[in-house]
Amino acid sequence: MGKCPRQEHRDINELDVHEVKCPACGYVIEFFAEDKKVKCPECGMMVSDTLKDVTNS
């Protein structure tokens, strides 16, 4: 069985991974290049990738 892409770090650069704070609870969520929204593991809120919102404007 293959590895989860999030566990394979050799091809990841700093632009591929960044952190966003959940606006509801403040939990720091890791966003990967392919992520648009991620469910906060702390409170369950769907959080948008604010970095992509800024760069796509």
PDB file of N, CA and C in Angstrom:
ATOM      1  N   MET A   1       0.849  -1.175   0.000  1.00  0.00           N
ATOM      2  CA  MET A   1       0.000   0.000   0.000  1.00  0.00           C
ATOM      3  C   MET A   1       0.893   1.237   0.000  1.00  0.00           C
ATOM      4  N   GLY A   2       0.528   2.272  -0.772  1.00  0.00           N
ATOM      5  CA  GLY A   2       1.310   3.503  -0.862  1.00  0.00           C
ATOM      6  C   GLY A   2       1.139   4.375   0.371  1.00  0.00           C
ATOM      7  N   LYS A   3       2.034   5.325   0.501  1.00  0.00           N
ATOM      8  CA  LYS A   3       1.974   6.266   1.615  1.00  0.00           C
ATOM      9  C   LYS A   3       0.981   7.379   1.310  1.00  0.00           C
ATOM     10  N   CYS A   4       0.438   7.932   2.344  1.00  0.00           N
ATOM     11  CA  CYS A   4      -0.402   9.109   2.224  1.00  0.00           C
ATOM     12  C   CYS A   4       0.472  10.247   1.706  1.00  0.00           C
ATOM     13  N   PRO A   5       0.006  11.059   0.738  1.00  0.00           N
ATOM     14  CA  PRO A   5       0.842  12.135   0.217  1.00  0.00           C
ATOM     15  C   PRO A   5       1.279  13.121   1.291  1.00  0.00           C
ATOM     16  N   ARG A   6       0.517  13.269   2.342  1.00  0.00           N
ATOM     17  CA  ARG A   6       0.869  14.189   3.419  1.00  0.00           C
ATOM     18  C   ARG A   6       2.024  13.664   4.261  1.00  0.00           C
ATOM     19  N   GLN A   7       2.341  12.395   4.123  1.00  0.00           N
ATOM     20  CA  GLN A   7       3.442  11.820   4.885  1.00  0.00           C
ATOM     21  C   GLN A   7       4.726  11.781   4.076  1.00  0.00           C
ATOM     22  N   GLU A   8       4.641  12.054   2.804  1.00  0.00           N
ATOM     23  CA  GLU A   8       5.810  12.003   1.922  1.00  0.00           C
ATOM     24  C   GLU A   8       6.381  13.411   1.809  1.00  0.00           C
ATOM     25  N   HIS A   9       7.438  13.699   2.563  1.00  0.00           N
ATOM     26  CA  HIS A   9       7.948  15.054   2.680  1.00  0.00           C
ATOM     27  C   HIS A   9       9.065  15.400   1.702  1.00  0.00           C
ATOM     28  N   ARG A  10       9.591  14.474   0.962  1.00  0.00           N
ATOM     29  CA  ARG A  10      10.762  14.775   0.138  1.00  0.00           C
ATOM     30  C   ARG A  10      10.468  15.727  -1.012  1.00  0.00           C
ATOM     31  N   ASP A  11       9.230  15.788  -1.493  1.00  0.00           N
ATOM     32  CA  ASP A  11       8.894  16.655  -2.619  1.00  0.00           C
ATOM     33  C   ASP A  11       8.102  17.896  -2.202  1.00  0.00           C
ATOM     34  N   ILE A  12       8.074  18.206  -0.930  1.00  0.00           N
ATOM     35  CA  ILE A  12       7.298  19.339  -0.429  1.00  0.00           C
ATOM     36  C   ILE A  12       8.221  20.519  -0.181  1.00  0.00           C
ATOM     37  N   ASN A  13       7.856  21.692  -0.731  1.00  0.00           N
ATOM     38  CA  ASN A  13       8.607  22.892  -0.411  1.00  0.00           C
ATOM     39  C   ASN A  13       7.753  23.795   0.471  1.00  0.00           C
ATOM     40  N   GLU A  14       8.307  24.896   0.932  1.00  0.00           N
ATOM     41  CA  GLU A  14       7.593  25.732   1.900  1.00  0.00           C
ATOM     42  C   GLU A  14       6.336  26.369   1.322  1.00  0.00           C
ATOM     43  N   LEU A  15       6.224  26.485   0.001  1.00  0.00           N
ATOM     44  CA  LEU A  15       5.009  27.026  -0.598  1.00  0.00           C
ATOM     45  C   LEU A  15       3.892  25.992  -0.654  1.00  0.00           C
ATOM     46  N   ASP A  16       4.229  24.727  -0.521  1.00  0.00           N
ATOM     47  CA  ASP A  16       3.238  23.658  -0.577  1.00  0.00           C
ATOM     48  C   ASP A  16       2.485  23.476   0.735  1.00  0.00           C
ATOM     49  N   VAL A  17       3.080  23.909   1.840  1.00  0.00           N
ATOM     50  CA  VAL A  17       2.479  23.707   3.159  1.00  0.00           C
ATOM     51  C   VAL A  17       2.516  25.021   3.925  1.00  0.00           C
ATOM     52  N   HIS A  18       1.386  25.379   4.509  1.00  0.00           N
ATOM     53  CA  HIS A  18       1.340  26.558   5.363  1.00  0.00           C
ATOM     54  C   HIS A  18       0.260  26.370   6.415  1.00  0.00           C
ATOM     55  N   GLU A  19       0.251  27.248   7.390  1.00  0.00           N
ATOM     56  CA  GLU A  19      -0.687  27.121   8.499  1.00  0.00           C
ATOM     57  C   GLU A  19      -1.680  28.273   8.495  1.00  0.00           C
ATOM     58  N   VAL A  20      -2.912  27.952   8.895  1.00  0.00           N
ATOM     59  CA  VAL A  20      -3.981  28.928   9.021  1.00  0.00           C
ATOM     60  C   VAL A  20      -4.663  28.674  10.361  1.00  0.00           C
ATOM     61  N   LYS A  21      -4.952  29.739  11.104  1.00  0.00           N
ATOM     62  CA  LYS A  21      -5.673  29.583  12.368  1.00  0.00           C
ATOM     63  C   LYS A  21      -7.163  29.458  12.091  1.00  0.00           C
ATOM     64  N   CYS A  22      -7.799  28.538  12.780  1.00  0.00           N
ATOM     65  CA  CYS A  22      -9.247  28.390  12.682  1.00  0.00           C
ATOM     66  C   CYS A  22      -9.883  29.656  13.258  1.00  0.00           C
ATOM     67  N   PRO A  23     -10.773  30.298  12.500  1.00  0.00           N
ATOM     68  CA  PRO A  23     -11.392  31.528  12.999  1.00  0.00           C
ATOM     69  C   PRO A  23     -12.341  31.288  14.178  1.00  0.00           C
ATOM     70  N   ALA A  24     -12.794  30.061  14.346  1.00  0.00           N
ATOM     71  CA  ALA A  24     -13.728  29.761  15.431  1.00  0.00           C
ATOM     72  C   ALA A  24     -13.027  29.472  16.756  1.00  0.00           C
ATOM     73  N   CYS A  25     -11.947  28.677  16.707  1.00  0.00           N
ATOM     74  CA  CYS A  25     -11.336  28.243  17.967  1.00  0.00           C
ATOM     75  C   CYS A  25      -9.850  28.579  18.087  1.00  0.00           C
ATOM     76  N   GLY A  26      -9.217  29.032  16.985  1.00  0.00           N
ATOM     77  CA  GLY A  26      -7.807  29.401  17.028  1.00  0.00           C
ATOM     78  C   GLY A  26      -6.834  28.258  16.818  1.00  0.00           C
ATOM     79  N   TYR A  27      -7.330  27.050  16.618  1.00  0.00           N
ATOM     80  CA  TYR A  27      -6.463  25.897  16.375  1.00  0.00           C
ATOM     81  C   TYR A  27      -5.678  26.116  15.081  1.00  0.00           C
ATOM     82  N   VAL A  28      -4.405  25.786  15.071  1.00  0.00           N
ATOM     83  CA  VAL A  28      -3.573  25.960  13.887  1.00  0.00           C
ATOM     84  C   VAL A  28      -3.723  24.740  12.981  1.00  0.00           C
ATOM     85  N   ILE A  29      -4.173  24.993  11.748  1.00  0.00           N
ATOM     86  CA  ILE A  29      -4.457  23.935  10.779  1.00  0.00           C
ATOM     87  C   ILE A  29      -3.414  23.985   9.682  1.00  0.00           C
ATOM     88  N   GLU A  30      -2.870  22.837   9.296  1.00  0.00           N
ATOM     89  CA  GLU A  30      -1.924  22.744   8.186  1.00  0.00           C
ATOM     90  C   GLU A  30      -2.692  22.629   6.881  1.00  0.00           C
ATOM     91  N   PHE A  31      -2.355  23.475   5.934  1.00  0.00           N
ATOM     92  CA  PHE A  31      -2.914  23.390   4.597  1.00  0.00           C
ATOM     93  C   PHE A  31      -1.824  22.955   3.641  1.00  0.00           C
ATOM     94  N   PHE A  32      -2.143  22.005   2.781  1.00  0.00           N
ATOM     95  CA  PHE A  32      -1.235  21.556   1.747  1.00  0.00           C
ATOM     96  C   PHE A  32      -1.673  22.173   0.422  1.00  0.00           C
ATOM     97  N   ALA A  33      -0.809  22.179  -0.566  1.00  0.00           N
ATOM     98  CA  ALA A  33      -1.050  22.865  -1.837  1.00  0.00           C
ATOM     99  C   ALA A  33      -2.409  22.506  -2.452  1.00  0.00           C
ATOM    100  N   GLU A  34      -2.824  21.278  -2.338  1.00  0.00           N
ATOM    101  CA  GLU A  34      -4.074  20.847  -2.979  1.00  0.00           C
ATOM    102  C   GLU A  34      -5.325  21.138  -2.153  1.00  0.00           C
ATOM    103  N   ASP A  35      -5.170  21.582  -0.916  1.00  0.00           N
ATOM    104  CA  ASP A  35      -6.311  21.830  -0.028  1.00  0.00           C
ATOM    105  C   ASP A  35      -6.960  23.182  -0.309  1.00  0.00           C
ATOM    106  N   LYS A  36      -8.284  23.187  -0.406  1.00  0.00           N
ATOM    107  CA  LYS A  36      -9.041  24.431  -0.506  1.00  0.00           C
ATOM    108  C   LYS A  36      -9.756  24.707   0.812  1.00  0.00           C
ATOM    109  N   LYS A  37     -10.285  23.643   1.394  1.00  0.00           N
ATOM    110  CA  LYS A  37     -10.940  23.729   2.705  1.00  0.00           C
ATOM    111  C   LYS A  37     -10.532  22.508   3.513  1.00  0.00           C
ATOM    112  N   VAL A  38     -10.419  22.705   4.811  1.00  0.00           N
ATOM    113  CA  VAL A  38     -10.061  21.617   5.718  1.00  0.00           C
ATOM    114  C   VAL A  38     -10.968  21.718   6.945  1.00  0.00           C
ATOM    115  N   LYS A  39     -11.407  20.581   7.430  1.00  0.00           N
ATOM    116  CA  LYS A  39     -12.218  20.545   8.645  1.00  0.00           C
ATOM    117  C   LYS A  39     -11.294  20.659   9.851  1.00  0.00           C
ATOM    118  N   CYS A  40     -11.562  21.629  10.709  1.00  0.00           N
ATOM    119  CA  CYS A  40     -10.757  21.818  11.912  1.00  0.00           C
ATOM    120  C   CYS A  40     -10.919  20.596  12.816  1.00  0.00           C
ATOM    121  N   PRO A  41      -9.811  19.960  13.188  1.00  0.00           N
ATOM    122  CA  PRO A  41      -9.903  18.778  14.039  1.00  0.00           C
ATOM    123  C   PRO A  41     -10.322  19.102  15.472  1.00  0.00           C
ATOM    124  N   GLU A  42     -10.228  20.366  15.853  1.00  0.00           N
ATOM    125  CA  GLU A  42     -10.574  20.772  17.214  1.00  0.00           C
ATOM    126  C   GLU A  42     -12.074  21.042  17.367  1.00  0.00           C
ATOM    127  N   CYS A  43     -12.648  21.864  16.455  1.00  0.00           N
ATOM    128  CA  CYS A  43     -14.052  22.268  16.625  1.00  0.00           C
ATOM    129  C   CYS A  43     -14.972  21.778  15.506  1.00  0.00           C
ATOM    130  N   GLY A  44     -14.396  21.282  14.388  1.00  0.00           N
ATOM    131  CA  GLY A  44     -15.211  20.746  13.302  1.00  0.00           C
ATOM    132  C   GLY A  44     -15.616  21.752  12.243  1.00  0.00           C
ATOM    133  N   MET A  45     -15.226  23.016  12.384  1.00  0.00           N
ATOM    134  CA  MET A  45     -15.582  24.033  11.397  1.00  0.00           C
ATOM    135  C   MET A  45     -14.801  23.795  10.103  1.00  0.00           C
ATOM    136  N   MET A  46     -15.463  24.004   8.958  1.00  0.00           N
ATOM    137  CA  MET A  46     -14.769  23.950   7.667  1.00  0.00           C
ATOM    138  C   MET A  46     -14.065  25.289   7.471  1.00  0.00           C
ATOM    139  N   VAL A  47     -12.737  25.233   7.317  1.00  0.00           N
ATOM    140  CA  VAL A  47     -11.913  26.434   7.224  1.00  0.00           C
ATOM    141  C   VAL A  47     -11.363  26.549   5.807  1.00  0.00           C
ATOM    142  N   SER A  48     -11.528  27.725   5.203  1.00  0.00           N
ATOM    143  CA  SER A  48     -10.991  27.994   3.870  1.00  0.00           C
ATOM    144  C   SER A  48      -9.525  28.368   3.974  1.00  0.00           C
ATOM    145  N   ASP A  49      -8.810  28.092   2.914  1.00  0.00           N
ATOM    146  CA  ASP A  49      -7.402  28.448   2.834  1.00  0.00           C
ATOM    147  C   ASP A  49      -7.298  29.936   2.524  1.00  0.00           C
ATOM    148  N   THR A  50      -7.037  30.758   3.524  1.00  0.00           N
ATOM    149  CA  THR A  50      -6.991  32.203   3.351  1.00  0.00           C
ATOM    150  C   THR A  50      -5.832  32.640   2.481  1.00  0.00           C
ATOM    151  N   LEU A  51      -4.736  31.890   2.426  1.00  0.00           N
ATOM    152  CA  LEU A  51      -3.617  32.238   1.557  1.00  0.00           C
ATOM    153  C   LEU A  51      -4.041  32.157   0.095  1.00  0.00           C
ATOM    154  N   LYS A  52      -4.798  31.148  -0.275  1.00  0.00           N
ATOM    155  CA  LYS A  52      -5.271  31.019  -1.651  1.00  0.00           C
ATOM    156  C   LYS A  52      -6.283  32.114  -1.976  1.00  0.00           C
ATOM    157  N   ASP A  53      -7.101  32.505  -0.988  1.00  0.00           N
ATOM    158  CA  ASP A  53      -8.063  33.592  -1.208  1.00  0.00           C
ATOM    159  C   ASP A  53      -7.335  34.879  -1.563  1.00  0.00           C
ATOM    160  N   VAL A  54      -6.205  35.132  -0.920  1.00  0.00           N
ATOM    161  CA  VAL A  54      -5.432  36.347  -1.155  1.00  0.00           C
ATOM    162  C   VAL A  54      -4.719  36.288  -2.498  1.00  0.00           C
ATOM    163  N   THR A  55      -4.098  35.164  -2.822  1.00  0.00           N
ATOM    164  CA  THR A  55      -3.314  35.066  -4.047  1.00  0.00           C
ATOM    165  C   THR A  55      -4.180  34.946  -5.295  1.00  0.00           C
ATOM    166  N   ASN A  56      -5.434  34.538  -5.159  1.00  0.00           N
ATOM    167  CA  ASN A  56      -6.309  34.386  -6.311  1.00  0.00           C
ATOM    168  C   ASN A  56      -7.171  35.621  -6.552  1.00  0.00           C
ATOM    169  N   SER A  57      -7.005  36.662  -5.770  1.00  0.00           N
ATOM    170  CA  SER A  57      -7.831  37.882  -5.916  1.00  0.00           C
ATOM    171  C   SER A  57      -7.344  38.751  -7.055  1.00  0.00           C
TER     172      SER A  57
END
